[in-house]
Each structure stands twice: as C-alpha cells, then as structure tokens.
Amino acid sequence: MTKQTVKQADKISNTRGLFWFRHDLRLHDQRAINALCDSVDEMTFVFVLDDKHDVSTPFGFKQTGEHRHRFIIESLHDLKLRLSKSGQDLLVLKGNTVKCLTTLLENNDFTHVAVNKHAGYDETAEVNAVRSAHPNITFIEEDALTLFNEEDFPFSINDMPDVFSPFRRKVEKFLEPQSPVATYTELKPHFAPMIPEEFIYELKSTLPTPKEDGFVGGETAALTHLDTYLFSWRSAATYKETRNALDTWRHSTKLSPWLAHGNISPREVMQQVYKFEETVEKNDSTYWIYFELLWREFFHWLQRKYGAKWFNFGGIQQRLPNTRHDQSTFTKWCNGETGYPIVDACMRQLRETGYMSNRGRQLVASCFVHELKQDWRYGAAWFEHQLIDYDVGSNWGNWLYLAGVGSDPRGHRQFNLQKQTDTYDPKGKFRNKWL
C-alpha cells in the first residue's frame, strides 16, 4: 500500500476534531467539548492571538493593552497545564484568525470544528468566514458564555426588549439559569497538526502564583476565587450593600475578568451561589449577584440584535449625541487630569491596574459624555484597550447607555460628581491613594 493510499484510508476511517477556544478559556461547563468528544476519534485544541489587537485602531491605540494581554497569556498557560493532565495540548497561533484556522483545516484533514457561540459582531463574522471556507466540515456550536441558551428565551433575539427591566421581568417569569454540564473526564487522543512555523506562538513566560488581592488569569484562579469569596469570606451575604465600594477587594465579587475570558462559566457561578443560599444564607445580596449577571446577559444578546449599530455614534437608537472628539480633552481624561478629583482617581487606577469598580466606570463615563462633551466611542475604545475584564457586550452596551443612545429609556444618565464623591469617598481615602 502506497503512502498516498494509507493517507486516504486514514481520512476515511478517522474523524478528527478541532476545538477553537475564544472567550471560553476553561474546561468546565463546555458542552461543545463534550459534543466534539462524542463525535471524533482524535482532537486538537487551538487558540489564536489575532494580529489585529496589536495594530493601532482609528482611535489612536491598540485594541488590547498590556493588562489584558497579560491576563490572556496567564489564562493560556493555565489552560495548557490543565489540558496536559488529560493527555492533551493547547496549540497557540499568532496571525489573522481566519487565515490561521483556514490553513490549519486545509492541511490536516479535520472533519469537525467545535466552537462556542458568541453574539459579538466580529466574533460572529469570524465563525461565518471559517465555516463558509470549509463547507464539508461539520461545525458544532454551543452556548457556554451565558446563563441561558438562545432557544430558552420566550422571544426571538430580534424581538427581545431593548430595555433591561422588561427583559428581566420576562426572563425571571419564564426561565431558570441553565445548569453547568459535567467536565468530560476522558478527552480523545491528541492530534498534533501540521502548521507553518510563522503562525506558531510560543508561551514563554512562567505562570504567576495567584494572589489574594489581585487578578491572575486562568480557570484555576477563577474557581479558587469563587470558592473563597462565597465560602471562606462569605461576602455574598453582604454584596448588595458593599458592591459600590471603589477600591476594596472583598466588597464586590471581582468575577468580571474571569467571566470575560471564560475562565469561569456564569452557570457555574450561579450553581455555587445557589449552594451558598442553601448552606449559608439567602437574602437580597445573593439575589443581587444574579441580578448583575442578568445585566451581563442582557447586553450580550442585545448586541446580537443590533450588530454593527453597537459601535455607531448614534448607537442602537440612531440618534446623534451633541458631543465631539477633542484630542487634548480626551488625553487628559485618559491620564486622569480632568480636574474632577474622583474621576481622575478612577482613571489613574484604571491606567495602573487595568481595573475599575462599576461605580467608578459610571462616574468617569458620565463625566466624559456630559461634563466634557466628548464622543462616547473614544471612551469605550479606551476602556477596551485598558480593561482586564473587557467584554464587547457589557463595555459598549454600558457606554451606549450612558451616552443616551442605548438601552436607557430616560436617554440622559448624568451623575452629580460631587454627590457621588460625598457618598462613595466621603473621607477622601480613594482620592488620596490614586492622586
């Protein structure tokens, strides 16, 4: 039998699957991984660091800054280690996502591709491009980034409410969050694909040790933090009262970076919250964790409904704000030099750490749009560049909301900065630290 005949026989007898990681850098609660394991004889896990994140955007800076890049690399290290314990490996590529995957699929006789659904405009376009280039490959898509599957809702996504409150009422009336699925205990054998060296990205840095009061990327750190927050600190019992703190580690869940990169599943979070309610305490604060996850859910699906309008100056309402872009004003805001102390403290915290409290984000966005009269898209883009927990739905959705061109029915959400300062930093501790 010739080599060519052996290769053809191998193509017929073996099914080969590719799992494409994106915003889901974990192994637990992965319906798509489970489905792929049920469908193929061998498999490869891949993640692509897209070159577009290193290129300056029209806003004047890269999409991904150093803080988020570090968190992603940490997450990939952890994922690679966890896969190795199951006899698998993680292939990390660098380049144009569609080109990398197309090359990988064309040269290695893959029969299946599994990927988790994402409602983002660019994320959806990437999957469609890869799928259209390979019509003979079976694609498996599952929901793993949200509390609910798309088919769960009592409405189509195109008909979903544009305002949070009616969305929440319908969801709470008809739905319970999906339960996480069990982690697949036996992954199929690893297949090492052929790929040009120019696409291969070597993970070189060592994985940091998780800290008690800081963010380290990865599923291991995420699950550890959730358990600590709920069952060691028992902080969920007071979350509603403390969540607006500007700069304390235990007063809010701090889950957003791990949720944004899929290090932890929102369904797993809710399952553990339910466990906390059964074994420790159930009150308004434990419900409020679910309430905040519903906001995340709302923005995730709303971006699917509106597509490219999510990034338009006129937003989903197609109403042009009375603002403009002034580079000098924008630069001062980015550097924390606006002259509004609470805003400047928050912006310097963001620049140094890649993180800012939810309360702080509302204040600096309100100032940017209303006091400074600036084009909200530049503020959203700066957050995208800086934030460790950047999520396209929540980030741009909240900016649309504050700019009055999104889902806020009042259309003009302006905060009194002095009142907010007196309420959330009455003794000046936060301002003194960051200024």
Protein backbone atom coordinates (compact mmCIF):
# COMPACT_ATOMS: atom_id res chain seq x y z
CA MET A 1 0.00 0.00 0.00
CA THR A 2 1.46 3.35 -1.02
CA LYS A 3 1.79 6.32 1.34
CA GLN A 4 -0.95 8.09 -0.60
CA THR A 5 -3.28 5.10 -0.16
CA VAL A 6 -2.55 4.98 3.56
CA LYS A 7 -3.35 8.67 3.87
CA GLN A 8 -6.67 8.22 2.02
CA ALA A 9 -7.59 5.27 4.21
CA ASP A 10 -6.75 7.29 7.30
CA LYS A 11 -9.02 10.10 6.08
CA ILE A 12 -11.92 7.68 5.72
CA SER A 13 -11.51 5.77 8.99
CA ASN A 14 -10.57 8.56 11.41
CA THR A 15 -12.66 11.52 12.42
CA ARG A 16 -10.60 14.44 13.60
CA GLY A 17 -11.90 17.39 15.60
CA LEU A 18 -10.63 20.92 16.21
CA PHE A 19 -11.83 22.81 19.28
CA TRP A 20 -11.46 26.56 18.79
CA PHE A 21 -11.06 28.47 22.06
CA ARG A 22 -12.03 32.14 22.11
CA HIS A 23 -13.67 33.79 25.12
CA ASP A 24 -14.04 30.45 26.90
CA LEU A 25 -10.61 29.61 28.32
CA ARG A 26 -11.61 26.76 30.61
CA LEU A 27 -12.52 23.06 30.63
CA HIS A 28 -15.56 23.02 32.92
CA ASP A 29 -19.11 23.54 31.60
CA GLN A 30 -18.16 23.01 27.97
CA ARG A 31 -21.00 21.44 26.01
CA ALA A 32 -19.09 21.94 22.78
CA ILE A 33 -16.05 19.99 24.02
CA ASN A 34 -18.32 17.19 25.19
CA ALA A 35 -20.14 17.10 21.85
CA LEU A 36 -16.84 17.05 19.95
CA CYS A 37 -15.53 14.18 22.08
CA ASP A 38 -18.68 12.23 21.24
CA SER A 39 -18.12 12.81 17.51
CA VAL A 40 -14.42 12.28 16.76
CA ASP A 41 -11.54 9.84 17.26
CA GLU A 42 -8.83 12.44 17.90
CA MET A 43 -8.75 16.14 18.56
CA THR A 44 -6.74 19.36 18.69
CA PHE A 45 -7.29 22.41 20.88
CA VAL A 46 -6.34 25.80 19.42
CA PHE A 47 -6.38 29.48 20.37
CA VAL A 48 -5.44 32.35 18.06
CA LEU A 49 -3.86 35.60 19.20
CA ASP A 50 -5.11 37.83 16.41
CA ASP A 51 -2.68 40.38 14.97
CA LYS A 52 -5.43 42.99 14.80
CA HIS A 53 -5.09 43.50 18.56
CA ASP A 54 -1.53 44.78 18.04
CA VAL A 55 -2.45 47.35 15.40
CA SER A 56 -3.44 50.90 16.22
CA THR A 57 -7.16 51.49 15.71
CA PRO A 58 -8.74 54.70 14.33
CA PHE A 59 -8.96 55.83 17.96
CA GLY A 60 -5.17 56.02 18.19
CA PHE A 61 -4.20 52.96 20.24
CA LYS A 62 -4.31 49.16 20.20
CA GLN A 63 -7.43 47.18 20.98
CA THR A 64 -5.66 45.16 23.64
CA GLY A 65 -3.37 46.84 26.15
CA GLU A 66 -0.72 45.30 28.39
CA HIS A 67 -3.03 44.50 31.31
CA ARG A 68 -5.46 42.37 29.31
CA HIS A 69 -2.70 40.80 27.25
CA ARG A 70 -1.02 39.63 30.45
CA PHE A 71 -4.28 38.18 31.73
CA ILE A 72 -4.86 36.30 28.46
CA ILE A 73 -1.34 34.82 28.50
CA GLU A 74 -1.82 33.71 32.10
CA SER A 75 -5.13 32.11 31.12
CA LEU A 76 -3.49 30.25 28.24
CA HIS A 77 -0.73 28.94 30.50
CA ASP A 78 -3.29 27.61 32.94
CA LEU A 79 -5.41 26.08 30.19
CA LYS A 80 -2.39 24.37 28.63
CA LEU A 81 -1.47 22.88 32.01
CA ARG A 82 -4.99 21.63 32.66
CA LEU A 83 -5.18 20.07 29.20
CA SER A 84 -1.84 18.32 29.70
CA LYS A 85 -3.28 16.49 32.70
CA SER A 86 -5.76 14.87 30.29
CA GLY A 87 -3.11 13.95 27.75
CA GLN A 88 -3.92 16.92 25.55
CA ASP A 89 -2.13 20.10 24.49
CA LEU A 90 -3.01 23.67 23.54
CA LEU A 91 -1.83 24.99 20.19
CA VAL A 92 -1.48 28.79 20.31
CA LEU A 93 -1.28 30.56 16.96
CA LYS A 94 -0.49 34.17 16.05
CA GLY A 95 -1.82 35.99 13.00
CA ASN A 96 -5.10 36.63 11.26
CA THR A 97 -7.64 34.34 12.92
CA VAL A 98 -9.48 33.26 9.78
CA LYS A 99 -6.24 32.72 7.83
CA CYS A 100 -4.66 30.69 10.66
CA LEU A 101 -7.67 28.43 11.04
CA THR A 102 -8.22 28.01 7.33
CA THR A 103 -4.59 26.94 6.90
CA LEU A 104 -4.90 24.54 9.84
CA LEU A 105 -8.08 22.96 8.50
CA GLU A 106 -6.88 22.66 4.91
CA ASN A 107 -3.62 20.89 5.78
CA ASN A 108 -4.77 18.39 8.42
CA ASP A 109 -7.93 16.59 7.28
CA PHE A 110 -10.15 17.80 10.10
CA THR A 111 -13.72 16.54 9.89
CA HIS A 112 -15.24 18.56 12.73
CA VAL A 113 -14.85 22.01 14.29
CA ALA A 114 -16.38 22.89 17.65
CA VAL A 115 -16.71 26.46 18.87
CA ASN A 116 -18.82 28.28 21.41
CA LYS A 117 -21.34 30.82 20.18
CA HIS A 118 -20.63 34.49 20.74
CA ALA A 119 -23.11 37.27 20.00
CA GLY A 120 -20.42 39.85 19.13
CA TYR A 121 -20.41 41.25 15.60
CA ASP A 122 -16.75 40.46 14.85
CA GLU A 123 -16.86 37.12 16.65
CA THR A 124 -19.88 36.02 14.62
CA ALA A 125 -18.26 37.17 11.38
CA GLU A 126 -15.12 35.11 12.08
CA VAL A 127 -17.08 31.91 12.59
CA ASN A 128 -19.11 32.54 9.45
CA ALA A 129 -15.94 33.14 7.42
CA VAL A 130 -14.28 29.93 8.60
CA ARG A 131 -17.47 27.94 8.08
CA SER A 132 -18.05 29.26 4.55
CA ALA A 133 -14.47 28.41 3.59
CA HIS A 134 -14.96 24.80 4.70
CA PRO A 135 -18.48 23.69 3.74
CA ASN A 136 -17.60 19.98 4.04
CA ILE A 137 -16.54 20.20 7.68
CA THR A 138 -19.14 19.60 10.40
CA PHE A 139 -19.45 22.60 12.75
CA ILE A 140 -20.60 22.16 16.35
CA GLU A 141 -21.74 25.34 18.12
CA GLU A 142 -22.98 25.56 21.69
CA ASP A 143 -23.82 28.28 24.24
CA ALA A 144 -21.24 28.43 27.02
CA LEU A 145 -20.78 32.14 27.76
CA THR A 146 -24.25 32.94 29.10
CA LEU A 147 -26.79 31.89 31.69
CA PHE A 148 -29.27 30.83 29.03
CA ASN A 149 -29.25 29.21 25.63
CA GLU A 150 -30.66 31.30 22.82
CA GLU A 151 -33.57 28.90 22.33
CA ASP A 152 -34.55 29.20 26.00
CA PHE A 153 -35.94 32.72 25.71
CA PRO A 154 -39.70 33.32 25.38
CA PHE A 155 -38.90 35.66 22.46
CA SER A 156 -36.60 35.68 19.46
CA ILE A 157 -33.42 37.72 19.84
CA ASN A 158 -34.64 40.11 17.13
CA ASP A 159 -37.77 40.72 19.21
CA MET A 160 -36.12 40.96 22.63
CA PRO A 161 -36.85 44.11 24.69
CA ASP A 162 -34.42 46.99 24.19
CA VAL A 163 -34.74 47.99 27.86
CA PHE A 164 -33.41 45.94 30.75
CA SER A 165 -36.45 45.97 33.07
CA PRO A 166 -38.92 44.28 30.67
CA PHE A 167 -36.14 41.85 29.63
CA ARG A 168 -35.57 40.98 33.28
CA ARG A 169 -39.29 40.54 34.04
CA LYS A 170 -39.78 38.14 31.13
CA VAL A 171 -36.66 36.16 31.95
CA GLU A 172 -37.45 35.86 35.64
CA LYS A 173 -41.01 34.82 34.89
CA PHE A 174 -40.20 32.04 32.43
CA LEU A 175 -36.59 30.91 32.94
CA GLU A 176 -34.07 29.49 35.38
CA PRO A 177 -30.35 29.61 34.52
CA GLN A 178 -29.04 26.53 32.76
CA SER A 179 -27.07 24.13 34.96
CA PRO A 180 -23.41 23.63 34.04
CA VAL A 181 -22.56 20.34 32.36
CA ALA A 182 -20.05 17.94 33.84
CA THR A 183 -16.45 18.20 32.68
CA TYR A 184 -15.55 15.49 30.19
CA THR A 185 -13.27 13.13 32.09
CA GLU A 186 -11.63 11.39 29.11
CA LEU A 187 -10.68 13.62 26.20
CA LYS A 188 -9.95 11.96 22.89
CA PRO A 189 -6.29 11.40 21.92
CA HIS A 190 -4.27 14.43 20.92
CA PHE A 191 -3.58 15.08 17.25
CA ALA A 192 -0.53 17.24 16.51
CA PRO A 193 -1.36 19.12 13.30
CA MET A 194 1.00 20.47 10.66
CA ILE A 195 1.11 24.25 10.65
CA PRO A 196 3.65 26.73 9.26
CA GLU A 197 6.08 27.90 11.94
CA GLU A 198 5.23 31.52 11.16
CA PHE A 199 1.81 31.00 12.79
CA ILE A 200 3.05 29.33 15.99
CA TYR A 201 3.18 31.40 19.19
CA GLU A 202 5.37 30.04 21.98
CA LEU A 203 4.18 30.62 25.54
CA LYS A 204 7.42 31.67 27.22
CA SER A 205 6.60 33.43 30.48
CA THR A 206 6.02 31.49 33.68
CA LEU A 207 2.61 31.33 35.29
CA PRO A 208 2.35 33.68 38.32
CA THR A 209 1.13 32.47 41.68
CA PRO A 210 -2.46 33.63 42.40
CA LYS A 211 -2.63 36.49 44.89
CA GLU A 212 -5.32 37.13 47.47
CA ASP A 213 -5.97 40.66 46.27
CA GLY A 214 -5.19 40.68 42.57
CA PHE A 215 -6.25 39.22 39.23
CA VAL A 216 -4.41 36.27 37.73
CA GLY A 217 -5.80 34.73 34.57
CA GLY A 218 -6.94 31.15 34.32
CA GLU A 219 -9.58 28.64 35.33
CA THR A 220 -7.64 27.57 38.41
CA ALA A 221 -7.53 31.09 39.85
CA ALA A 222 -11.18 31.71 38.88
CA LEU A 223 -12.57 28.66 40.65
CA THR A 224 -10.39 29.31 43.67
CA HIS A 225 -11.55 32.90 43.94
CA LEU A 226 -15.23 31.99 43.61
CA ASP A 227 -14.95 29.41 46.39
CA THR A 228 -13.04 31.85 48.61
CA TYR A 229 -15.48 34.71 48.02
CA LEU A 230 -18.52 32.57 48.79
CA PHE A 231 -17.46 30.07 51.41
CA SER A 232 -14.38 31.48 53.13
CA TRP A 233 -15.21 35.19 53.22
CA ARG A 234 -18.99 34.64 52.91
CA SER A 235 -19.06 38.03 51.21
CA ALA A 236 -22.10 37.17 49.09
CA ALA A 237 -24.27 37.75 52.15
CA THR A 238 -23.48 41.48 52.07
CA TYR A 239 -22.83 42.03 48.36
CA LYS A 240 -25.72 44.42 47.73
CA GLU A 241 -24.60 46.78 50.50
CA THR A 242 -20.89 46.77 49.64
CA ARG A 243 -20.77 46.37 45.84
CA ASN A 244 -20.30 50.12 45.14
CA ALA A 245 -17.01 50.36 47.03
CA LEU A 246 -14.39 52.00 44.83
CA ASP A 247 -11.24 50.16 45.83
CA THR A 248 -11.62 47.19 48.15
CA TRP A 249 -11.05 43.59 47.13
CA ARG A 250 -13.76 41.75 49.07
CA HIS A 251 -16.67 44.17 48.70
CA SER A 252 -17.68 43.05 45.19
CA THR A 253 -17.38 39.66 43.54
CA LYS A 254 -14.43 40.65 41.28
CA LEU A 255 -15.53 37.86 38.93
CA SER A 256 -15.72 40.04 35.81
CA PRO A 257 -12.21 39.35 34.40
CA TRP A 258 -12.65 35.61 34.70
CA LEU A 259 -16.14 35.79 33.22
CA ALA A 260 -14.97 37.99 30.34
CA HIS A 261 -12.31 35.48 29.30
CA GLY A 262 -14.45 32.46 30.04
CA ASN A 263 -12.16 31.21 32.81
CA ILE A 264 -15.37 30.56 34.69
CA SER A 265 -18.88 29.85 33.47
CA PRO A 266 -21.75 32.13 34.61
CA ARG A 267 -23.77 28.93 35.06
CA GLU A 268 -21.12 27.60 37.43
CA VAL A 269 -21.22 30.91 39.33
CA MET A 270 -24.98 30.62 39.78
CA GLN A 271 -24.76 26.98 40.81
CA GLN A 272 -22.32 27.92 43.56
CA VAL A 273 -24.48 30.89 44.60
CA TYR A 274 -27.44 28.52 44.93
CA LYS A 275 -25.27 26.26 47.07
CA PHE A 276 -24.37 29.27 49.23
CA GLU A 277 -28.06 30.12 49.61
CA GLU A 278 -28.85 26.56 50.70
CA THR A 279 -25.97 26.16 53.14
CA VAL A 280 -25.15 29.65 54.40
CA GLU A 281 -27.71 32.40 53.70
CA LYS A 282 -30.22 33.53 51.12
CA ASN A 283 -31.09 37.23 51.02
CA ASP A 284 -31.28 40.30 48.76
CA SER A 285 -27.50 40.30 48.33
CA THR A 286 -27.33 36.77 46.96
CA TYR A 287 -30.17 37.62 44.58
CA TRP A 288 -28.28 40.75 43.51
CA ILE A 289 -25.40 38.66 42.16
CA TYR A 290 -27.93 37.06 39.83
CA PHE A 291 -29.36 40.49 39.04
CA GLU A 292 -25.95 41.75 37.90
CA LEU A 293 -25.41 38.62 35.81
CA LEU A 294 -28.76 39.38 34.14
CA TRP A 295 -27.39 42.79 33.08
CA ARG A 296 -24.42 40.99 31.52
CA GLU A 297 -26.84 38.60 29.81
CA PHE A 298 -28.98 41.47 28.52
CA PHE A 299 -26.08 43.26 26.84
CA HIS A 300 -24.70 40.01 25.42
CA TRP A 301 -27.88 39.26 23.49
CA LEU A 302 -28.75 42.88 22.64
CA GLN A 303 -25.52 43.21 20.66
CA ARG A 304 -26.63 40.22 18.58
CA LYS A 305 -29.87 42.05 17.80
CA TYR A 306 -28.17 45.25 16.61
CA GLY A 307 -24.94 44.02 15.00
CA ALA A 308 -22.74 46.84 13.69
CA LYS A 309 -25.01 49.51 15.21
CA TRP A 310 -23.46 48.55 18.55
CA PHE A 311 -20.46 50.68 17.59
CA ASN A 312 -22.17 53.55 15.74
CA PHE A 313 -22.03 57.13 17.04
CA GLY A 314 -25.85 57.22 17.05
CA GLY A 315 -25.99 53.86 18.81
CA ILE A 316 -28.94 51.50 18.62
CA GLN A 317 -31.29 54.50 18.70
CA GLN A 318 -29.59 56.15 15.71
CA ARG A 319 -29.77 59.50 17.49
CA LEU A 320 -26.66 61.63 17.16
CA PRO A 321 -25.34 62.96 20.51
CA ASN A 322 -24.36 66.60 20.89
CA THR A 323 -20.71 65.71 21.51
CA ARG A 324 -17.44 65.70 19.60
CA HIS A 325 -13.88 64.46 19.83
CA ASP A 326 -11.15 66.78 21.10
CA GLN A 327 -7.79 65.03 21.37
CA SER A 328 -6.43 67.25 24.15
CA THR A 329 -9.53 66.74 26.32
CA PHE A 330 -9.52 63.02 25.60
CA THR A 331 -5.85 62.67 26.55
CA LYS A 332 -6.40 64.48 29.85
CA TRP A 333 -9.31 62.18 30.65
CA CYS A 334 -7.23 59.08 29.84
CA ASN A 335 -4.39 60.30 32.06
CA GLY A 336 -6.62 61.34 34.96
CA GLU A 337 -6.04 65.08 34.50
CA THR A 338 -9.59 66.41 34.07
CA GLY A 339 -9.67 68.45 37.27
CA TYR A 340 -12.52 66.35 38.70
CA PRO A 341 -10.76 64.54 41.59
CA ILE A 342 -12.99 61.47 41.79
CA VAL A 343 -12.78 60.99 38.02
CA ASP A 344 -9.03 61.49 37.93
CA ALA A 345 -8.51 58.99 40.75
CA CYS A 346 -10.57 56.37 38.93
CA MET A 347 -8.76 56.93 35.63
CA ARG A 348 -5.33 56.63 37.24
CA GLN A 349 -6.44 53.41 38.93
CA LEU A 350 -7.50 52.07 35.52
CA ARG A 351 -4.24 53.03 33.86
CA GLU A 352 -2.15 51.40 36.58
CA THR A 353 -4.17 48.24 37.24
CA GLY A 354 -6.44 47.60 34.24
CA TYR A 355 -9.43 47.58 36.55
CA MET A 356 -12.02 49.99 37.90
CA SER A 357 -15.13 49.45 40.01
CA ASN A 358 -18.53 49.51 38.32
CA ARG A 359 -19.40 52.68 40.22
CA GLY A 360 -16.20 54.31 39.03
CA ARG A 361 -16.91 53.36 35.42
CA GLN A 362 -20.30 55.04 35.54
CA LEU A 363 -18.82 58.22 37.02
CA VAL A 364 -15.96 58.59 34.54
CA ALA A 365 -18.24 57.78 31.58
CA SER A 366 -20.85 60.29 32.72
CA CYS A 367 -18.16 62.95 33.09
CA PHE A 368 -16.71 62.13 29.68
CA VAL A 369 -20.05 62.47 27.90
CA HIS A 370 -21.76 65.22 29.89
CA GLU A 371 -19.17 67.45 31.57
CA LEU A 372 -16.50 67.08 28.87
CA LYS A 373 -18.93 66.68 25.92
CA GLN A 374 -16.80 64.01 24.25
CA ASP A 375 -17.59 61.36 21.65
CA TRP A 376 -18.54 58.32 23.74
CA ARG A 377 -16.92 55.88 21.30
CA TYR A 378 -13.44 57.11 22.28
CA GLY A 379 -14.21 56.41 25.92
CA ALA A 380 -15.48 52.93 25.09
CA ALA A 381 -12.39 52.25 22.98
CA TRP A 382 -10.06 53.39 25.80
CA PHE A 383 -11.84 51.02 28.17
CA GLU A 384 -11.44 48.25 25.59
CA HIS A 385 -7.71 48.97 25.47
CA GLN A 386 -7.20 49.13 29.23
CA LEU A 387 -9.66 46.82 30.96
CA ILE A 388 -8.63 43.35 32.08
CA ASP A 389 -12.31 42.40 32.08
CA TYR A 390 -13.19 43.87 28.68
CA ASP A 391 -16.32 42.29 27.25
CA VAL A 392 -17.70 43.67 23.98
CA GLY A 393 -21.32 43.39 25.09
CA SER A 394 -21.03 44.86 28.57
CA ASN A 395 -18.45 47.53 27.73
CA TRP A 396 -20.06 49.03 24.63
CA GLY A 397 -23.55 48.40 25.99
CA ASN A 398 -22.87 50.41 29.13
CA TRP A 399 -21.26 53.22 27.15
CA LEU A 400 -24.25 53.35 24.80
CA TYR A 401 -26.44 53.53 27.88
CA LEU A 402 -24.52 56.42 29.49
CA ALA A 403 -24.30 58.29 26.20
CA GLY A 404 -28.08 58.26 25.82
CA VAL A 405 -28.05 56.27 22.57
CA GLY A 406 -28.51 52.79 24.01
CA SER A 407 -31.00 50.97 26.19
CA ASP A 408 -31.66 53.70 28.80
CA PRO A 409 -35.33 54.73 28.42
CA ARG A 410 -34.58 58.11 30.00
CA GLY A 411 -31.92 58.86 27.41
CA HIS A 412 -29.77 61.09 29.64
CA ARG A 413 -27.94 59.45 32.54
CA GLN A 414 -25.79 62.12 34.20
CA PHE A 415 -24.28 61.73 37.66
CA ASN A 416 -23.71 64.55 40.12
CA LEU A 417 -19.99 64.09 40.67
CA GLN A 418 -19.84 65.96 43.97
CA LYS A 419 -22.74 63.98 45.40
CA GLN A 420 -21.18 60.74 44.23
CA THR A 421 -17.87 61.74 45.81
CA ASP A 422 -19.55 62.55 49.13
CA THR A 423 -21.37 59.21 49.06
CA TYR A 424 -18.61 56.83 47.97
CA ASP A 425 -15.42 58.55 49.09
CA PRO A 426 -16.52 60.79 51.98
CA LYS A 427 -13.12 60.78 53.74
CA GLY A 428 -11.05 61.05 50.57
CA LYS A 429 -9.25 57.73 51.11
CA PHE A 430 -9.66 56.62 47.49
CA ARG A 431 -8.67 60.00 46.05
CA ASN A 432 -5.63 60.25 48.31
CA LYS A 433 -4.43 56.81 47.24
CA TRP A 434 -4.62 57.35 43.49
CA LEU A 435 -3.91 61.08 43.27
